[in-house]
Amino acid sequence: MATNITFHEGSVSAAERFELLEQKGVTIWLTGLSGSGKSTIACALEQHLLHIHKFSYRLDGDNIRFGLNKDLRFDETSRIENIRRIGEVSKLFADAGCVTITAFISPYRADREVARELHQKSNLPFVEVFVDAPLTVVEQRDPKGLYKKARAGEIKDFTGISAPYEAPEHPEIHIKTDQCEVKEVVEIIARYLDTHNYI
């Protein structure tokens, strides 16, 4: 990190932004295996929040891996850096008063904890949502055929098959997507946001 830089405080506080927007900035961090339903939930939640006039934005592999993180691969070091950058970006969005929805496997507890701590240091809420589906279920879903390729040895370091996934130990919300519909999940998360006065 450069040592010859000085942070310049803005003239608008987060509290002022939150008051004018009539909502608080918060990051909803969806984590789970590939095929567990993270992106589907993120899309539906973003749409729901926008329809009730809440400033929200979804960060996922499509708009991060093809832009900000296009220089990263899928080895362990790159995965760690990928999540670090997403943590930083989601913190900025939350500081802007946005309900930021991230949908990434983010397989390592330590990396998710780094993202949480980034938010906590800035007094911004971080809501970890464990999008939980058994390996047998996500392999059956396999919308992109990735599990089949991983089982055939065509994809190295594939989470859940040849690379670990460390499930959250104390997520704020635990969703079992093999037992409920997307609409129900959106209602659960939205109710949590409302109960905690984030929206």
N, C-alpha and C. Protein backbone atom coordinates (compact mmCIF):
# COMPACT_ATOMS: atom_id res chain seq x y z
N MET A 1 0.84 -1.20 0.00
CA MET A 1 0.00 0.00 0.00
C MET A 1 0.88 1.25 0.00
N ALA A 2 0.46 2.24 -0.78
CA ALA A 2 1.23 3.49 -0.85
C ALA A 2 1.19 4.18 0.51
N THR A 3 2.32 4.82 0.88
CA THR A 3 2.40 5.48 2.18
C THR A 3 2.27 7.00 2.06
N ASN A 4 2.30 7.52 0.84
CA ASN A 4 2.27 8.97 0.66
C ASN A 4 0.88 9.47 0.26
N ILE A 5 -0.16 8.83 0.80
CA ILE A 5 -1.52 9.26 0.51
C ILE A 5 -2.23 9.62 1.81
N THR A 6 -3.16 10.55 1.72
CA THR A 6 -3.94 11.00 2.87
C THR A 6 -5.42 10.88 2.55
N PHE A 7 -6.18 10.29 3.46
CA PHE A 7 -7.62 10.13 3.24
C PHE A 7 -8.31 11.48 3.39
N HIS A 8 -9.13 11.84 2.40
CA HIS A 8 -9.85 13.12 2.43
C HIS A 8 -11.31 12.85 2.80
N GLU A 9 -11.72 13.31 3.96
CA GLU A 9 -13.09 13.10 4.42
C GLU A 9 -14.06 13.90 3.55
N GLY A 10 -15.19 13.30 3.23
CA GLY A 10 -16.21 14.00 2.47
C GLY A 10 -17.00 14.95 3.36
N SER A 11 -17.86 15.76 2.76
CA SER A 11 -18.65 16.72 3.54
C SER A 11 -20.05 16.20 3.84
N VAL A 12 -20.37 15.00 3.31
CA VAL A 12 -21.68 14.38 3.58
C VAL A 12 -21.45 13.13 4.42
N SER A 13 -22.09 13.05 5.55
CA SER A 13 -21.92 11.89 6.42
C SER A 13 -22.85 10.76 5.98
N ALA A 14 -22.50 9.54 6.38
CA ALA A 14 -23.35 8.39 6.08
C ALA A 14 -24.72 8.58 6.71
N ALA A 15 -24.75 9.11 7.91
CA ALA A 15 -26.03 9.34 8.60
C ALA A 15 -26.93 10.28 7.81
N GLU A 16 -26.34 11.31 7.22
CA GLU A 16 -27.11 12.26 6.42
C GLU A 16 -27.67 11.59 5.17
N ARG A 17 -26.82 10.77 4.52
CA ARG A 17 -27.29 10.05 3.34
C ARG A 17 -28.45 9.11 3.69
N PHE A 18 -28.28 8.38 4.80
CA PHE A 18 -29.29 7.41 5.20
C PHE A 18 -30.62 8.12 5.50
N GLU A 19 -30.54 9.30 6.13
CA GLU A 19 -31.75 10.04 6.48
C GLU A 19 -32.47 10.51 5.22
N LEU A 20 -31.72 11.02 4.26
CA LEU A 20 -32.33 11.52 3.02
C LEU A 20 -32.89 10.38 2.16
N LEU A 21 -32.21 9.23 2.18
CA LEU A 21 -32.67 8.08 1.40
C LEU A 21 -33.78 7.30 2.10
N GLU A 22 -33.96 7.58 3.39
CA GLU A 22 -34.94 6.87 4.22
C GLU A 22 -34.67 5.37 4.25
N GLN A 23 -33.41 5.02 4.32
CA GLN A 23 -32.97 3.64 4.50
C GLN A 23 -31.52 3.67 4.95
N LYS A 24 -31.04 2.54 5.46
CA LYS A 24 -29.65 2.44 5.88
C LYS A 24 -28.87 1.57 4.89
N GLY A 25 -27.61 1.92 4.69
CA GLY A 25 -26.77 1.08 3.86
C GLY A 25 -26.45 -0.21 4.59
N VAL A 26 -26.51 -1.32 3.88
CA VAL A 26 -26.27 -2.64 4.48
C VAL A 26 -25.82 -3.59 3.38
N THR A 27 -24.97 -4.53 3.73
CA THR A 27 -24.56 -5.56 2.77
C THR A 27 -25.21 -6.89 3.15
N ILE A 28 -25.90 -7.47 2.18
CA ILE A 28 -26.47 -8.80 2.32
C ILE A 28 -25.52 -9.74 1.60
N TRP A 29 -24.80 -10.56 2.35
CA TRP A 29 -23.74 -11.41 1.79
C TRP A 29 -24.25 -12.84 1.64
N LEU A 30 -24.66 -13.20 0.41
CA LEU A 30 -25.14 -14.55 0.13
C LEU A 30 -23.96 -15.47 -0.15
N THR A 31 -23.84 -16.53 0.60
CA THR A 31 -22.75 -17.49 0.41
C THR A 31 -23.31 -18.91 0.35
N GLY A 32 -22.72 -19.74 -0.48
CA GLY A 32 -23.17 -21.12 -0.62
C GLY A 32 -22.55 -21.75 -1.84
N LEU A 33 -22.76 -23.04 -1.99
CA LEU A 33 -22.20 -23.77 -3.13
C LEU A 33 -22.75 -23.27 -4.45
N SER A 34 -22.01 -23.53 -5.52
CA SER A 34 -22.52 -23.25 -6.86
C SER A 34 -23.81 -24.04 -7.06
N GLY A 35 -24.84 -23.37 -7.56
CA GLY A 35 -26.11 -24.05 -7.79
C GLY A 35 -27.04 -24.05 -6.59
N SER A 36 -26.63 -23.41 -5.49
CA SER A 36 -27.47 -23.41 -4.28
C SER A 36 -28.64 -22.43 -4.40
N GLY A 37 -28.53 -21.46 -5.31
CA GLY A 37 -29.61 -20.50 -5.52
C GLY A 37 -29.26 -19.06 -5.20
N LYS A 38 -27.99 -18.78 -4.98
CA LYS A 38 -27.56 -17.43 -4.60
C LYS A 38 -27.98 -16.37 -5.62
N SER A 39 -27.63 -16.59 -6.87
CA SER A 39 -27.92 -15.59 -7.91
C SER A 39 -29.41 -15.42 -8.13
N THR A 40 -30.15 -16.51 -8.08
CA THR A 40 -31.60 -16.45 -8.25
C THR A 40 -32.22 -15.62 -7.13
N ILE A 41 -31.77 -15.87 -5.90
CA ILE A 41 -32.27 -15.11 -4.75
C ILE A 41 -31.86 -13.65 -4.86
N ALA A 42 -30.61 -13.39 -5.23
CA ALA A 42 -30.11 -12.02 -5.34
C ALA A 42 -30.92 -11.22 -6.35
N CYS A 43 -31.20 -11.81 -7.50
CA CYS A 43 -31.99 -11.13 -8.55
C CYS A 43 -33.40 -10.82 -8.05
N ALA A 44 -34.02 -11.80 -7.42
CA ALA A 44 -35.39 -11.62 -6.94
C ALA A 44 -35.45 -10.59 -5.80
N LEU A 45 -34.46 -10.62 -4.92
CA LEU A 45 -34.42 -9.67 -3.80
C LEU A 45 -34.20 -8.25 -4.31
N GLU A 46 -33.27 -8.09 -5.24
CA GLU A 46 -33.02 -6.77 -5.81
C GLU A 46 -34.28 -6.21 -6.45
N GLN A 47 -34.97 -7.03 -7.22
CA GLN A 47 -36.20 -6.60 -7.87
C GLN A 47 -37.26 -6.20 -6.85
N HIS A 48 -37.42 -7.02 -5.82
CA HIS A 48 -38.40 -6.72 -4.76
C HIS A 48 -38.10 -5.39 -4.10
N LEU A 49 -36.84 -5.17 -3.73
CA LEU A 49 -36.47 -3.93 -3.04
C LEU A 49 -36.66 -2.71 -3.92
N LEU A 50 -36.31 -2.82 -5.19
CA LEU A 50 -36.50 -1.69 -6.09
C LEU A 50 -37.99 -1.38 -6.28
N HIS A 51 -38.82 -2.41 -6.30
CA HIS A 51 -40.26 -2.21 -6.47
C HIS A 51 -40.91 -1.55 -5.26
N ILE A 52 -40.27 -1.65 -4.10
CA ILE A 52 -40.78 -0.92 -2.93
C ILE A 52 -39.95 0.36 -2.70
N HIS A 53 -39.28 0.78 -3.78
CA HIS A 53 -38.54 2.05 -3.82
C HIS A 53 -37.38 2.13 -2.84
N LYS A 54 -36.65 1.01 -2.75
CA LYS A 54 -35.45 0.98 -1.92
C LYS A 54 -34.22 0.85 -2.83
N PHE A 55 -33.25 1.71 -2.58
CA PHE A 55 -32.01 1.74 -3.35
C PHE A 55 -31.24 0.46 -3.07
N SER A 56 -31.10 -0.39 -4.10
CA SER A 56 -30.39 -1.66 -3.93
C SER A 56 -29.60 -1.97 -5.19
N TYR A 57 -28.59 -2.81 -5.02
CA TYR A 57 -27.76 -3.21 -6.17
C TYR A 57 -27.15 -4.57 -5.90
N ARG A 58 -27.09 -5.37 -6.95
CA ARG A 58 -26.59 -6.74 -6.85
C ARG A 58 -25.18 -6.83 -7.43
N LEU A 59 -24.28 -7.44 -6.66
CA LEU A 59 -22.93 -7.74 -7.13
C LEU A 59 -22.81 -9.25 -7.25
N ASP A 60 -22.44 -9.72 -8.44
CA ASP A 60 -22.25 -11.16 -8.61
C ASP A 60 -21.14 -11.43 -9.61
N GLY A 61 -20.93 -12.70 -9.92
CA GLY A 61 -19.82 -13.07 -10.79
C GLY A 61 -19.84 -12.38 -12.14
N ASP A 62 -21.05 -12.15 -12.67
CA ASP A 62 -21.14 -11.55 -14.00
C ASP A 62 -20.64 -10.12 -14.03
N ASN A 63 -21.03 -9.31 -13.05
CA ASN A 63 -20.59 -7.91 -13.12
C ASN A 63 -19.29 -7.63 -12.38
N ILE A 64 -18.74 -8.62 -11.70
CA ILE A 64 -17.44 -8.45 -11.03
C ILE A 64 -16.32 -9.18 -11.78
N ARG A 65 -16.54 -10.43 -12.11
CA ARG A 65 -15.50 -11.24 -12.78
C ARG A 65 -15.20 -10.76 -14.21
N PHE A 66 -16.18 -10.11 -14.85
CA PHE A 66 -15.95 -9.62 -16.21
C PHE A 66 -15.43 -8.19 -16.24
N GLY A 67 -15.27 -7.59 -15.06
CA GLY A 67 -14.80 -6.21 -14.99
C GLY A 67 -13.70 -6.05 -13.97
N LEU A 68 -14.07 -5.62 -12.78
CA LEU A 68 -13.12 -5.33 -11.71
C LEU A 68 -12.12 -6.46 -11.46
N ASN A 69 -12.61 -7.70 -11.49
CA ASN A 69 -11.75 -8.84 -11.14
C ASN A 69 -11.42 -9.74 -12.32
N LYS A 70 -11.42 -9.18 -13.52
CA LYS A 70 -11.14 -10.02 -14.69
C LYS A 70 -9.69 -10.49 -14.75
N ASP A 71 -8.83 -9.90 -13.93
CA ASP A 71 -7.43 -10.31 -13.90
C ASP A 71 -7.19 -11.49 -12.96
N LEU A 72 -8.23 -11.94 -12.26
CA LEU A 72 -8.07 -13.01 -11.27
C LEU A 72 -8.49 -14.36 -11.83
N ARG A 73 -7.82 -15.41 -11.33
CA ARG A 73 -8.16 -16.78 -11.74
C ARG A 73 -8.99 -17.43 -10.64
N PHE A 74 -8.95 -18.77 -10.57
CA PHE A 74 -9.77 -19.47 -9.58
C PHE A 74 -8.94 -20.28 -8.59
N ASP A 75 -7.62 -20.03 -8.55
CA ASP A 75 -6.78 -20.67 -7.54
C ASP A 75 -7.07 -20.02 -6.18
N GLU A 76 -6.57 -20.60 -5.12
CA GLU A 76 -6.89 -20.13 -3.77
C GLU A 76 -6.51 -18.66 -3.55
N THR A 77 -5.31 -18.27 -4.01
CA THR A 77 -4.85 -16.89 -3.83
C THR A 77 -5.78 -15.91 -4.53
N SER A 78 -6.17 -16.26 -5.76
CA SER A 78 -7.07 -15.39 -6.52
C SER A 78 -8.45 -15.32 -5.89
N ARG A 79 -8.93 -16.44 -5.36
CA ARG A 79 -10.24 -16.45 -4.71
C ARG A 79 -10.24 -15.53 -3.49
N ILE A 80 -9.15 -15.55 -2.73
CA ILE A 80 -9.04 -14.69 -1.55
C ILE A 80 -9.07 -13.22 -1.96
N GLU A 81 -8.30 -12.88 -3.00
CA GLU A 81 -8.27 -11.50 -3.48
C GLU A 81 -9.62 -11.09 -4.06
N ASN A 82 -10.28 -12.01 -4.75
CA ASN A 82 -11.61 -11.74 -5.31
C ASN A 82 -12.57 -11.32 -4.20
N ILE A 83 -12.60 -12.06 -3.11
CA ILE A 83 -13.52 -11.75 -2.02
C ILE A 83 -13.09 -10.48 -1.28
N ARG A 84 -11.78 -10.25 -1.17
CA ARG A 84 -11.32 -9.01 -0.53
C ARG A 84 -11.83 -7.80 -1.29
N ARG A 85 -11.68 -7.83 -2.62
CA ARG A 85 -12.14 -6.70 -3.44
C ARG A 85 -13.65 -6.52 -3.34
N ILE A 86 -14.39 -7.63 -3.36
CA ILE A 86 -15.85 -7.55 -3.26
C ILE A 86 -16.24 -6.96 -1.91
N GLY A 87 -15.52 -7.34 -0.86
CA GLY A 87 -15.78 -6.79 0.46
C GLY A 87 -15.60 -5.27 0.47
N GLU A 88 -14.54 -4.81 -0.16
CA GLU A 88 -14.27 -3.37 -0.22
C GLU A 88 -15.34 -2.64 -1.03
N VAL A 89 -15.71 -3.19 -2.18
CA VAL A 89 -16.71 -2.55 -3.04
C VAL A 89 -18.08 -2.53 -2.36
N SER A 90 -18.46 -3.65 -1.75
CA SER A 90 -19.77 -3.69 -1.09
C SER A 90 -19.81 -2.72 0.08
N LYS A 91 -18.68 -2.53 0.76
CA LYS A 91 -18.62 -1.56 1.85
C LYS A 91 -18.88 -0.14 1.33
N LEU A 92 -18.30 0.19 0.18
CA LEU A 92 -18.51 1.52 -0.41
C LEU A 92 -19.98 1.72 -0.81
N PHE A 93 -20.58 0.68 -1.39
CA PHE A 93 -21.99 0.76 -1.76
C PHE A 93 -22.85 0.96 -0.51
N ALA A 94 -22.56 0.19 0.53
CA ALA A 94 -23.33 0.30 1.78
C ALA A 94 -23.16 1.70 2.38
N ASP A 95 -21.95 2.24 2.31
CA ASP A 95 -21.70 3.59 2.82
C ASP A 95 -22.50 4.63 2.05
N ALA A 96 -22.79 4.31 0.78
CA ALA A 96 -23.59 5.21 -0.06
C ALA A 96 -25.08 5.09 0.26
N GLY A 97 -25.43 4.18 1.18
CA GLY A 97 -26.82 4.02 1.57
C GLY A 97 -27.55 2.94 0.81
N CYS A 98 -26.81 2.13 0.09
CA CYS A 98 -27.40 1.09 -0.75
C CYS A 98 -27.57 -0.22 0.01
N VAL A 99 -28.67 -0.92 -0.28
CA VAL A 99 -28.79 -2.31 0.17
C VAL A 99 -28.03 -3.13 -0.86
N THR A 100 -26.83 -3.53 -0.51
CA THR A 100 -25.92 -4.20 -1.43
C THR A 100 -26.06 -5.70 -1.27
N ILE A 101 -26.37 -6.37 -2.37
CA ILE A 101 -26.60 -7.81 -2.34
C ILE A 101 -25.45 -8.50 -3.07
N THR A 102 -24.65 -9.26 -2.36
CA THR A 102 -23.55 -9.97 -3.02
C THR A 102 -23.88 -11.45 -3.11
N ALA A 103 -23.61 -12.03 -4.27
CA ALA A 103 -23.89 -13.45 -4.50
C ALA A 103 -22.63 -14.13 -5.00
N PHE A 104 -21.85 -14.65 -4.06
CA PHE A 104 -20.58 -15.31 -4.39
C PHE A 104 -20.43 -16.55 -3.52
N ILE A 105 -19.81 -17.56 -4.07
CA ILE A 105 -19.57 -18.78 -3.28
C ILE A 105 -18.83 -18.40 -2.00
N SER A 106 -17.81 -17.58 -2.13
CA SER A 106 -16.96 -17.14 -1.00
C SER A 106 -16.75 -18.30 -0.01
N PRO A 107 -15.95 -19.29 -0.41
CA PRO A 107 -15.89 -20.57 0.32
C PRO A 107 -15.18 -20.55 1.67
N TYR A 108 -14.35 -19.52 1.93
CA TYR A 108 -13.54 -19.56 3.15
C TYR A 108 -14.10 -18.63 4.23
N ARG A 109 -14.27 -19.17 5.43
CA ARG A 109 -14.79 -18.38 6.55
C ARG A 109 -13.92 -17.15 6.82
N ALA A 110 -12.61 -17.33 6.77
CA ALA A 110 -11.70 -16.23 7.08
C ALA A 110 -11.91 -15.05 6.14
N ASP A 111 -12.16 -15.34 4.87
CA ASP A 111 -12.37 -14.26 3.89
C ASP A 111 -13.68 -13.54 4.14
N ARG A 112 -14.71 -14.31 4.48
CA ARG A 112 -16.01 -13.67 4.79
C ARG A 112 -15.89 -12.83 6.05
N GLU A 113 -15.06 -13.29 6.99
CA GLU A 113 -14.87 -12.53 8.22
C GLU A 113 -14.13 -11.22 7.93
N VAL A 114 -13.20 -11.24 6.99
CA VAL A 114 -12.51 -10.01 6.58
C VAL A 114 -13.52 -9.01 6.04
N ALA A 115 -14.44 -9.49 5.19
CA ALA A 115 -15.47 -8.62 4.63
C ALA A 115 -16.36 -8.04 5.74
N ARG A 116 -16.71 -8.89 6.71
CA ARG A 116 -17.53 -8.42 7.83
C ARG A 116 -16.80 -7.34 8.62
N GLU A 117 -15.52 -7.59 8.92
CA GLU A 117 -14.75 -6.63 9.71
C GLU A 117 -14.59 -5.29 9.00
N LEU A 118 -14.45 -5.32 7.66
CA LEU A 118 -14.38 -4.07 6.89
C LEU A 118 -15.63 -3.22 7.15
N HIS A 119 -16.77 -3.87 7.16
CA HIS A 119 -18.03 -3.16 7.41
C HIS A 119 -18.11 -2.68 8.85
N GLN A 120 -17.75 -3.55 9.78
CA GLN A 120 -17.85 -3.20 11.19
C GLN A 120 -16.98 -1.99 11.53
N LYS A 121 -15.79 -1.92 10.94
CA LYS A 121 -14.88 -0.79 11.19
C LYS A 121 -15.48 0.52 10.71
N SER A 122 -16.39 0.45 9.75
CA SER A 122 -17.05 1.65 9.22
C SER A 122 -18.47 1.80 9.76
N ASN A 123 -18.79 1.00 10.80
CA ASN A 123 -20.13 1.03 11.41
C ASN A 123 -21.24 0.76 10.40
N LEU A 124 -20.99 -0.19 9.51
CA LEU A 124 -21.97 -0.57 8.50
C LEU A 124 -22.43 -2.00 8.75
N PRO A 125 -23.72 -2.26 8.65
CA PRO A 125 -24.22 -3.61 8.90
C PRO A 125 -23.83 -4.60 7.81
N PHE A 126 -23.56 -5.82 8.24
CA PHE A 126 -23.17 -6.92 7.35
C PHE A 126 -24.03 -8.12 7.73
N VAL A 127 -24.83 -8.60 6.79
CA VAL A 127 -25.76 -9.68 7.06
C VAL A 127 -25.35 -10.89 6.22
N GLU A 128 -24.80 -11.90 6.89
CA GLU A 128 -24.39 -13.11 6.19
C GLU A 128 -25.59 -14.04 6.05
N VAL A 129 -25.86 -14.45 4.80
CA VAL A 129 -26.97 -15.36 4.51
C VAL A 129 -26.39 -16.65 3.95
N PHE A 130 -26.56 -17.73 4.68
CA PHE A 130 -26.09 -19.04 4.22
C PHE A 130 -27.16 -19.64 3.32
N VAL A 131 -26.87 -19.67 2.02
CA VAL A 131 -27.78 -20.27 1.05
C VAL A 131 -27.38 -21.74 0.96
N ASP A 132 -28.09 -22.55 1.71
CA ASP A 132 -27.69 -23.92 1.99
C ASP A 132 -28.48 -24.92 1.15
N ALA A 133 -27.77 -25.74 0.41
CA ALA A 133 -28.39 -26.84 -0.33
C ALA A 133 -27.40 -28.00 -0.32
N PRO A 134 -27.86 -29.21 -0.10
CA PRO A 134 -26.96 -30.37 -0.07
C PRO A 134 -26.23 -30.55 -1.41
N LEU A 135 -25.02 -31.10 -1.33
CA LEU A 135 -24.24 -31.35 -2.54
C LEU A 135 -25.02 -32.18 -3.55
N THR A 136 -25.77 -33.16 -3.07
CA THR A 136 -26.55 -34.02 -3.99
C THR A 136 -27.57 -33.19 -4.77
N VAL A 137 -28.14 -32.20 -4.11
CA VAL A 137 -29.16 -31.36 -4.75
C VAL A 137 -28.52 -30.43 -5.78
N VAL A 138 -27.43 -29.77 -5.41
CA VAL A 138 -26.81 -28.83 -6.36
C VAL A 138 -26.21 -29.57 -7.55
N GLU A 139 -25.75 -30.80 -7.32
CA GLU A 139 -25.25 -31.60 -8.45
C GLU A 139 -26.38 -31.98 -9.40
N GLN A 140 -27.55 -32.21 -8.86
CA GLN A 140 -28.70 -32.51 -9.71
C GLN A 140 -29.12 -31.28 -10.50
N ARG A 141 -29.08 -30.13 -9.85
CA ARG A 141 -29.46 -28.88 -10.53
C ARG A 141 -28.44 -28.57 -11.62
N ASP A 142 -27.19 -28.43 -11.22
CA ASP A 142 -26.05 -28.19 -12.11
C ASP A 142 -26.41 -27.39 -13.38
N PRO A 143 -26.92 -26.16 -13.24
CA PRO A 143 -27.41 -25.41 -14.39
C PRO A 143 -26.37 -25.11 -15.47
N LYS A 144 -25.11 -25.04 -15.08
CA LYS A 144 -24.05 -24.73 -16.06
C LYS A 144 -23.20 -25.95 -16.40
N GLY A 145 -23.56 -27.10 -15.86
CA GLY A 145 -22.81 -28.32 -16.14
C GLY A 145 -21.43 -28.36 -15.50
N LEU A 146 -21.23 -27.53 -14.48
CA LEU A 146 -19.90 -27.42 -13.86
C LEU A 146 -19.56 -28.61 -12.98
N TYR A 147 -20.54 -29.13 -12.27
CA TYR A 147 -20.27 -30.28 -11.40
C TYR A 147 -19.89 -31.50 -12.24
N LYS A 148 -20.56 -31.67 -13.34
CA LYS A 148 -20.26 -32.79 -14.23
C LYS A 148 -18.82 -32.69 -14.73
N LYS A 149 -18.40 -31.48 -15.10
CA LYS A 149 -17.03 -31.27 -15.56
C LYS A 149 -16.03 -31.48 -14.43
N ALA A 150 -16.40 -31.02 -13.23
CA ALA A 150 -15.51 -31.17 -12.06
C ALA A 150 -15.33 -32.64 -11.72
N ARG A 151 -16.41 -33.41 -11.77
CA ARG A 151 -16.34 -34.84 -11.49
C ARG A 151 -15.50 -35.57 -12.52
N ALA A 152 -15.49 -35.03 -13.74
CA ALA A 152 -14.71 -35.65 -14.83
C ALA A 152 -13.26 -35.18 -14.81
N GLY A 153 -12.92 -34.29 -13.87
CA GLY A 153 -11.56 -33.78 -13.76
C GLY A 153 -11.23 -32.68 -14.73
N GLU A 154 -12.25 -32.12 -15.38
CA GLU A 154 -12.02 -31.06 -16.37
C GLU A 154 -11.87 -29.69 -15.74
N ILE A 155 -12.36 -29.54 -14.49
CA ILE A 155 -12.22 -28.28 -13.75
C ILE A 155 -11.48 -28.58 -12.45
N LYS A 156 -10.36 -27.89 -12.26
CA LYS A 156 -9.59 -28.06 -11.03
C LYS A 156 -10.08 -27.09 -9.96
N ASP A 157 -9.84 -27.43 -8.71
CA ASP A 157 -10.18 -26.56 -7.58
C ASP A 157 -11.63 -26.11 -7.61
N PHE A 158 -12.55 -27.06 -7.84
CA PHE A 158 -13.97 -26.72 -7.89
C PHE A 158 -14.57 -26.91 -6.50
N THR A 159 -15.13 -25.84 -5.97
CA THR A 159 -15.68 -25.84 -4.61
C THR A 159 -16.74 -26.92 -4.43
N GLY A 160 -16.57 -27.70 -3.37
CA GLY A 160 -17.51 -28.76 -3.06
C GLY A 160 -17.09 -30.11 -3.60
N ILE A 161 -16.21 -30.10 -4.60
CA ILE A 161 -15.73 -31.35 -5.21
C ILE A 161 -14.24 -31.53 -4.95
N SER A 162 -13.44 -30.61 -5.48
CA SER A 162 -11.99 -30.73 -5.32
C SER A 162 -11.40 -29.56 -4.54
N ALA A 163 -12.25 -28.71 -4.01
CA ALA A 163 -11.82 -27.59 -3.16
C ALA A 163 -12.87 -27.44 -2.06
N PRO A 164 -12.46 -27.00 -0.88
CA PRO A 164 -13.38 -26.97 0.26
C PRO A 164 -14.39 -25.82 0.22
N TYR A 165 -15.51 -26.05 0.89
CA TYR A 165 -16.45 -24.98 1.20
C TYR A 165 -16.66 -25.01 2.71
N GLU A 166 -16.35 -23.89 3.36
CA GLU A 166 -16.48 -23.78 4.81
C GLU A 166 -17.80 -23.08 5.14
N ALA A 167 -18.77 -23.85 5.56
CA ALA A 167 -20.10 -23.30 5.84
C ALA A 167 -20.06 -22.30 6.98
N PRO A 168 -20.88 -21.27 6.94
CA PRO A 168 -20.94 -20.31 8.05
C PRO A 168 -21.35 -21.00 9.34
N GLU A 169 -20.74 -20.58 10.43
CA GLU A 169 -21.07 -21.17 11.74
C GLU A 169 -22.19 -20.41 12.42
N HIS A 170 -22.25 -19.09 12.20
CA HIS A 170 -23.28 -18.26 12.85
C HIS A 170 -23.82 -17.22 11.88
N PRO A 171 -24.43 -17.64 10.78
CA PRO A 171 -24.98 -16.65 9.84
C PRO A 171 -26.19 -15.94 10.45
N GLU A 172 -26.42 -14.71 10.02
CA GLU A 172 -27.61 -14.00 10.49
C GLU A 172 -28.88 -14.69 9.97
N ILE A 173 -28.80 -15.23 8.75
CA ILE A 173 -29.94 -15.91 8.14
C ILE A 173 -29.45 -17.22 7.53
N HIS A 174 -30.18 -18.29 7.77
CA HIS A 174 -29.83 -19.61 7.21
C HIS A 174 -31.03 -20.08 6.37
N ILE A 175 -30.81 -20.21 5.07
CA ILE A 175 -31.87 -20.60 4.14
C ILE A 175 -31.54 -21.97 3.55
N LYS A 176 -32.48 -22.89 3.64
CA LYS A 176 -32.32 -24.21 3.03
C LYS A 176 -33.14 -24.22 1.74
N THR A 177 -32.46 -24.03 0.62
CA THR A 177 -33.17 -23.80 -0.64
C THR A 177 -33.80 -25.05 -1.24
N ASP A 178 -33.50 -26.20 -0.67
CA ASP A 178 -34.19 -27.41 -1.13
C ASP A 178 -35.51 -27.61 -0.39
N GLN A 179 -35.81 -26.66 0.52
CA GLN A 179 -37.03 -26.78 1.32
C GLN A 179 -37.96 -25.58 1.20
N CYS A 180 -37.59 -24.58 0.39
CA CYS A 180 -38.45 -23.41 0.25
C CYS A 180 -38.31 -22.78 -1.13
N GLU A 181 -39.30 -21.97 -1.50
CA GLU A 181 -39.33 -21.30 -2.79
C GLU A 181 -38.63 -19.95 -2.70
N VAL A 182 -38.23 -19.43 -3.86
CA VAL A 182 -37.51 -18.15 -3.92
C VAL A 182 -38.33 -17.02 -3.29
N LYS A 183 -39.62 -17.00 -3.58
CA LYS A 183 -40.49 -15.95 -3.03
C LYS A 183 -40.44 -15.93 -1.51
N GLU A 184 -40.45 -17.11 -0.91
CA GLU A 184 -40.40 -17.22 0.54
C GLU A 184 -39.07 -16.71 1.08
N VAL A 185 -37.98 -17.02 0.39
CA VAL A 185 -36.65 -16.56 0.80
C VAL A 185 -36.58 -15.04 0.78
N VAL A 186 -37.09 -14.44 -0.30
CA VAL A 186 -37.10 -12.98 -0.42
C VAL A 186 -37.89 -12.36 0.74
N GLU A 187 -39.00 -12.96 1.08
CA GLU A 187 -39.82 -12.46 2.20
C GLU A 187 -39.06 -12.55 3.52
N ILE A 188 -38.32 -13.63 3.72
CA ILE A 188 -37.53 -13.80 4.95
C ILE A 188 -36.47 -12.72 5.08
N ILE A 189 -35.73 -12.48 3.98
CA ILE A 189 -34.66 -11.48 4.02
C ILE A 189 -35.23 -10.07 4.16
N ALA A 190 -36.29 -9.78 3.41
CA ALA A 190 -36.92 -8.46 3.47
C ALA A 190 -37.46 -8.19 4.87
N ARG A 191 -38.04 -9.20 5.48
CA ARG A 191 -38.57 -9.06 6.84
C ARG A 191 -37.43 -8.77 7.83
N TYR A 192 -36.30 -9.44 7.64
CA TYR A 192 -35.13 -9.20 8.49
C TYR A 192 -34.67 -7.74 8.34
N LEU A 193 -34.60 -7.25 7.10
CA LEU A 193 -34.17 -5.87 6.86
C LEU A 193 -35.13 -4.88 7.50
N ASP A 194 -36.41 -5.16 7.41
CA ASP A 194 -37.43 -4.27 7.98
C ASP A 194 -37.37 -4.31 9.51
N THR A 195 -37.26 -5.50 10.07
CA THR A 195 -37.21 -5.65 11.54
C THR A 195 -36.03 -4.90 12.14
N HIS A 196 -34.91 -4.88 11.40
CA HIS A 196 -33.70 -4.21 11.90
C HIS A 196 -33.60 -2.76 11.44
N ASN A 197 -34.68 -2.25 10.89
CA ASN A 197 -34.78 -0.84 10.47
C ASN A 197 -33.73 -0.44 9.43
N TYR A 198 -33.39 -1.38 8.54
CA TYR A 198 -32.47 -1.06 7.45
C TYR A 198 -33.24 -0.49 6.26
N ILE A 199 -34.51 -0.86 6.14
CA ILE A 199 -35.34 -0.33 5.05
C ILE A 199 -36.65 0.22 5.63
